Protein backbone atom coordinates (compact mmCIF):
# COMPACT_ATOMS: atom_id res chain seq x y z
CA MET A 1 21.81 4.95 19.32
CA THR A 2 18.44 6.48 18.45
CA ASP A 3 15.54 4.33 19.37
CA ARG A 4 13.74 2.84 16.35
CA LEU A 5 11.09 0.36 15.36
CA SER A 6 13.01 -2.83 14.48
CA ARG A 7 10.28 -4.50 12.39
CA ILE A 8 8.76 -3.26 9.08
CA VAL A 9 5.61 -4.79 7.60
CA LEU A 10 5.00 -3.96 3.85
CA VAL A 11 1.55 -4.20 2.35
CA HIS A 12 1.02 -4.04 -1.36
CA GLY A 13 -1.77 -2.36 -3.34
CA ALA A 14 -4.45 -3.40 -5.89
CA ALA A 15 -3.64 -6.14 -8.44
CA HIS A 16 -0.10 -6.52 -6.91
CA GLY A 17 1.46 -8.96 -4.44
CA ALA A 18 4.31 -9.29 -2.02
CA TRP A 19 6.57 -9.68 -5.03
CA CYS A 20 6.51 -5.87 -5.51
CA TRP A 21 8.78 -5.47 -2.50
CA GLU A 22 11.58 -7.86 -3.72
CA LYS A 23 14.09 -5.06 -4.32
CA VAL A 24 13.33 -3.24 -1.10
CA VAL A 25 13.37 -6.03 1.49
CA PRO A 26 17.14 -6.87 1.17
CA LEU A 27 17.99 -3.12 1.36
CA LEU A 28 16.00 -2.85 4.70
CA GLU A 29 17.40 -6.09 6.00
CA ALA A 30 20.87 -4.81 5.30
CA LYS A 31 20.01 -1.85 7.58
CA GLY A 32 19.25 -4.30 10.37
CA PHE A 33 15.44 -4.46 10.13
CA GLU A 34 13.20 -7.50 10.40
CA VAL A 35 10.94 -7.22 7.31
CA ALA A 36 7.67 -9.02 6.66
CA THR A 37 5.63 -8.97 3.44
CA LEU A 38 2.34 -10.62 2.60
CA ASP A 39 -0.15 -11.39 -0.10
CA LEU A 40 -3.60 -9.89 0.47
CA PRO A 41 -6.34 -12.50 -0.14
CA GLY A 42 -6.81 -13.25 -3.76
CA LEU A 43 -3.60 -11.43 -4.88
CA GLY A 44 -0.03 -12.31 -5.46
CA ASP A 45 0.31 -16.08 -4.76
CA ASP A 46 -2.69 -16.29 -2.42
CA PRO A 47 -5.19 -18.94 -3.61
CA THR A 48 -8.38 -17.29 -2.19
CA PRO A 49 -11.02 -17.05 -4.87
CA PRO A 50 -11.43 -13.32 -5.64
CA LYS A 51 -15.26 -13.70 -5.46
CA ASP A 52 -14.82 -14.57 -1.75
CA VAL A 53 -12.64 -11.72 -0.81
CA THR A 54 -13.83 -9.04 1.69
CA LEU A 55 -12.38 -5.97 3.17
CA GLN A 56 -12.33 -7.74 6.61
CA ALA A 57 -10.22 -10.48 5.00
CA TYR A 58 -7.66 -7.81 4.07
CA PHE A 59 -7.68 -6.52 7.66
CA ASP A 60 -7.36 -10.06 9.02
CA ARG A 61 -4.34 -10.86 6.79
CA VAL A 62 -2.44 -7.78 7.94
CA ILE A 63 -3.39 -8.44 11.60
CA GLU A 64 -2.14 -11.94 11.35
CA VAL A 65 1.30 -10.77 10.06
CA LEU A 66 1.48 -8.12 12.81
CA ASN A 67 0.66 -10.57 15.50
CA ALA A 68 3.22 -13.12 14.18
CA GLY A 69 6.18 -10.98 15.07
CA PRO A 70 7.46 -8.62 17.75
CA GLY A 71 5.82 -5.19 17.87
CA PRO A 72 5.30 -2.43 17.51
CA ALA A 73 6.09 -2.33 13.84
CA LEU A 74 6.46 0.27 11.05
CA LEU A 75 3.34 -0.62 8.98
CA VAL A 76 3.55 0.50 5.35
CA GLY A 77 0.71 0.47 2.87
CA HIS A 78 1.00 1.19 -0.92
CA SER A 79 -1.90 2.54 -2.95
CA MET A 80 -4.99 0.48 -2.00
CA GLY A 81 -2.92 -1.00 0.82
CA GLY A 82 -3.65 2.16 2.78
CA MET A 83 -7.05 0.76 3.66
CA PRO A 84 -5.93 -2.69 5.02
CA ILE A 85 -3.18 -1.03 7.17
CA SER A 86 -5.62 1.40 8.58
CA GLY A 87 -8.17 -1.24 9.51
CA ALA A 88 -5.48 -3.43 11.05
CA ALA A 89 -4.07 -0.47 13.02
CA GLU A 90 -7.52 0.20 14.45
CA ALA A 91 -7.80 -3.40 15.52
CA VAL A 92 -4.35 -3.90 17.10
CA PRO A 93 -2.85 -0.41 17.66
CA GLU A 94 -0.41 -1.83 20.13
CA LYS A 95 1.28 -3.61 17.28
CA VAL A 96 1.76 -0.51 15.20
CA GLY A 97 4.36 2.14 16.14
CA LYS A 98 3.84 4.23 13.03
CA LEU A 99 1.87 4.13 9.80
CA VAL A 100 3.42 4.99 6.44
CA TYR A 101 1.15 5.59 3.42
CA LEU A 102 3.01 5.26 0.12
CA ALA A 103 1.02 7.06 -2.59
CA ALA A 104 -1.83 5.38 -0.75
CA LEU A 105 -5.40 5.79 0.26
CA LEU A 106 -5.43 7.57 3.60
CA PRO A 107 -8.90 7.03 4.86
CA GLU A 108 -11.19 8.66 7.36
CA ASP A 109 -13.80 6.98 9.46
CA GLY A 110 -16.55 5.48 7.32
CA LEU A 111 -14.78 5.66 4.01
CA ARG A 112 -15.56 3.08 1.36
CA MET A 113 -12.89 2.43 -1.26
CA GLY A 114 -15.67 2.43 -3.84
CA ASP A 115 -16.49 6.03 -2.97
CA PHE A 116 -12.96 7.36 -3.53
CA ASP A 117 -12.63 8.96 -6.89
CA LEU A 118 -9.10 9.00 -8.36
CA GLY A 119 -10.38 10.88 -11.40
CA PRO A 120 -10.00 9.98 -15.10
CA ASP A 121 -6.30 10.82 -15.36
CA SER A 122 -5.30 7.89 -13.13
CA ALA A 123 -5.13 4.09 -12.97
CA LEU A 124 -8.76 4.13 -14.00
CA ARG A 125 -7.52 4.74 -17.59
CA ALA A 126 -6.08 1.24 -17.63
CA ARG A 127 -8.93 -0.45 -15.87
CA ALA A 128 -10.45 -3.25 -18.01
CA PRO A 129 -13.04 -6.01 -17.62
CA SER A 130 -11.88 -9.36 -16.36
CA GLU A 131 -13.11 -12.87 -16.96
CA VAL A 132 -12.52 -13.77 -13.35
CA GLU A 133 -15.70 -13.66 -11.32
CA GLY A 134 -15.90 -10.72 -8.92
CA THR A 135 -12.88 -8.84 -10.29
CA PHE A 136 -11.68 -6.13 -12.69
CA GLY A 137 -8.37 -6.15 -14.48
CA PHE A 138 -5.89 -3.71 -16.10
CA ASP A 139 -5.12 -3.40 -19.82
CA PRO A 140 -1.53 -4.68 -20.25
CA ALA A 141 -1.00 -2.14 -22.99
CA LEU A 142 -1.70 0.75 -20.60
CA ALA A 143 -0.55 -0.73 -17.24
CA ALA A 144 3.16 -0.05 -17.83
CA GLU A 145 2.49 3.65 -18.52
CA VAL A 146 0.15 4.02 -15.59
CA PHE A 147 1.97 2.07 -12.83
CA TYR A 148 5.62 1.96 -13.97
CA ASN A 149 6.33 5.08 -16.01
CA THR A 150 9.75 5.79 -14.39
CA CYS A 151 10.83 2.17 -14.27
CA THR A 152 13.13 0.42 -16.60
CA ALA A 153 11.37 -1.22 -19.54
CA GLU A 154 12.43 -4.60 -18.10
CA ASP A 155 10.98 -3.90 -14.62
CA ALA A 156 7.78 -2.46 -16.15
CA ALA A 157 7.18 -5.49 -18.31
CA ALA A 158 7.87 -7.85 -15.37
CA GLY A 159 5.47 -5.87 -13.24
CA VAL A 160 2.67 -5.96 -15.78
CA ALA A 161 3.13 -9.69 -16.27
CA ARG A 162 2.60 -10.31 -12.48
CA LEU A 163 -0.57 -8.30 -12.04
CA ARG A 164 -3.67 -10.23 -11.01
CA PRO A 165 -7.34 -9.39 -11.29
CA GLN A 166 -8.42 -7.21 -8.42
CA ALA A 167 -11.42 -8.33 -6.30
CA THR A 168 -14.26 -5.86 -6.08
CA GLY A 169 -15.69 -7.32 -2.88
CA PRO A 170 -13.66 -5.03 -0.50
CA PHE A 171 -14.77 -1.88 -2.17
CA PRO A 172 -18.33 -1.34 -0.83
CA ASP A 173 -17.39 -1.89 2.80
CA PRO A 174 -16.68 1.02 5.13
CA VAL A 175 -13.73 1.23 7.45
CA THR A 176 -14.29 2.11 11.13
CA LEU A 177 -11.51 4.37 12.62
CA THR A 178 -11.42 5.99 16.04
CA PRO A 179 -9.34 8.84 17.40
CA GLN A 180 -8.26 6.69 20.31
CA ARG A 181 -6.79 3.86 18.20
CA TRP A 182 -5.92 4.47 14.58
CA GLY A 183 -5.98 8.24 15.19
CA ALA A 184 -3.43 8.06 17.92
CA ILE A 185 -0.69 6.36 15.77
CA PRO A 186 1.85 8.72 14.11
CA LYS A 187 1.50 8.81 10.33
CA THR A 188 3.73 9.68 7.38
CA TYR A 189 2.66 10.02 3.79
CA ILE A 190 5.20 9.44 1.00
CA LEU A 191 4.16 11.49 -2.04
CA CYS A 192 5.20 10.11 -5.49
CA THR A 193 5.50 13.18 -7.52
CA ARG A 194 5.50 11.57 -11.00
CA ASP A 195 2.68 9.19 -10.26
CA GLN A 196 0.28 8.50 -13.16
CA ALA A 197 -1.88 6.01 -11.31
CA PHE A 198 -2.68 7.98 -8.16
CA PRO A 199 -2.56 11.59 -9.07
CA LEU A 200 -0.26 13.85 -6.91
CA ALA A 201 -3.12 16.30 -6.34
CA LYS A 202 -5.22 13.41 -4.78
CA GLN A 203 -2.25 12.41 -2.58
CA GLU A 204 -1.78 16.00 -1.39
CA TRP A 205 -5.54 16.40 -0.77
CA LEU A 206 -5.51 13.35 1.44
CA CYS A 207 -2.64 14.81 3.48
CA ASP A 208 -4.39 18.15 3.70
CA ARG A 209 -7.39 16.65 5.31
CA THR A 210 -5.42 14.60 7.88
CA PRO A 211 -4.07 16.69 10.69
CA GLY A 212 -0.55 15.90 11.84
CA VAL A 213 0.51 13.64 8.94
CA ARG A 214 4.17 14.06 8.01
CA ARG A 215 4.91 14.39 4.27
CA ARG A 216 7.90 12.95 2.48
CA SER A 217 8.35 12.71 -1.28
CA LEU A 218 10.03 10.69 -3.98
CA ALA A 219 10.34 11.89 -7.61
CA THR A 220 8.99 8.61 -8.92
CA ASP A 221 6.11 6.91 -10.58
CA HIS A 222 3.49 4.92 -8.54
CA SER A 223 6.00 2.15 -8.02
CA PRO A 224 9.12 3.41 -6.17
CA PHE A 225 9.75 -0.16 -4.97
CA LEU A 226 10.82 -0.88 -8.48
CA SER A 227 11.95 2.55 -9.80
CA ASP A 228 13.81 3.80 -6.78
CA PRO A 229 14.07 0.99 -4.13
CA GLN A 230 17.11 2.57 -2.45
CA GLY A 231 15.37 5.94 -2.11
CA LEU A 232 12.34 4.24 -0.64
CA ALA A 233 14.40 2.06 1.67
CA ASP A 234 16.18 5.16 2.99
CA ILE A 235 13.00 6.96 3.77
CA LEU A 236 11.45 3.92 5.45
CA ALA A 237 14.53 3.42 7.61
CA ASP A 238 14.40 7.03 8.61
CA GLU A 239 10.75 6.79 9.41
CA ALA A 240 11.43 3.85 11.70
CA ARG A 241 13.24 6.22 14.14
CA LEU A 242 11.27 7.14 17.18
């Protein structure tokens, strides 16, 4: 049997939570993987006040989950989740066998999330003020079109209903990445070709500037965990091979 990573850790993106992986987890478990999900601080069901959330708190949450199980793991980050998985991999590279960026921010050393420009034809279209201190939100009338445009109407409505205001605290802080730690870990990027939140051209540009990254693709919106969970699970299972 081909050697493979037996554990997969799934990290969600902005405004989302561990709930977004609910369709994917049982499919991966059926393939024999141990799967862990998490809520980043201030998101999902996590009670941390958003005004207190920092980028380091994101890193620490992912590191905690990596350290709680056997390693190394396949570490997957969606969208904004690309930043936390990168910082965690830099901190505990021995716990990460491979990094998978799912329509995600693929950073370089010193990047601040606040400096990354998705462009106007992106999730920024749906961004809206929030009454929660230290956050921004997404307009429910636009969020379905932006995040879930190839999902069923039912899944799109359910996703919109579970979005939480996104903390701004992590956005001004830079990530430190070194060639010897994060840089030495194999990386795969899953392009979502019908993405209206994270434009395909931006995804491709991130891959172009990252030597050695492997590219895969799904003909989905920004949320293949809802719109094509089987296709996503199949790619992740394949990427777990060593």
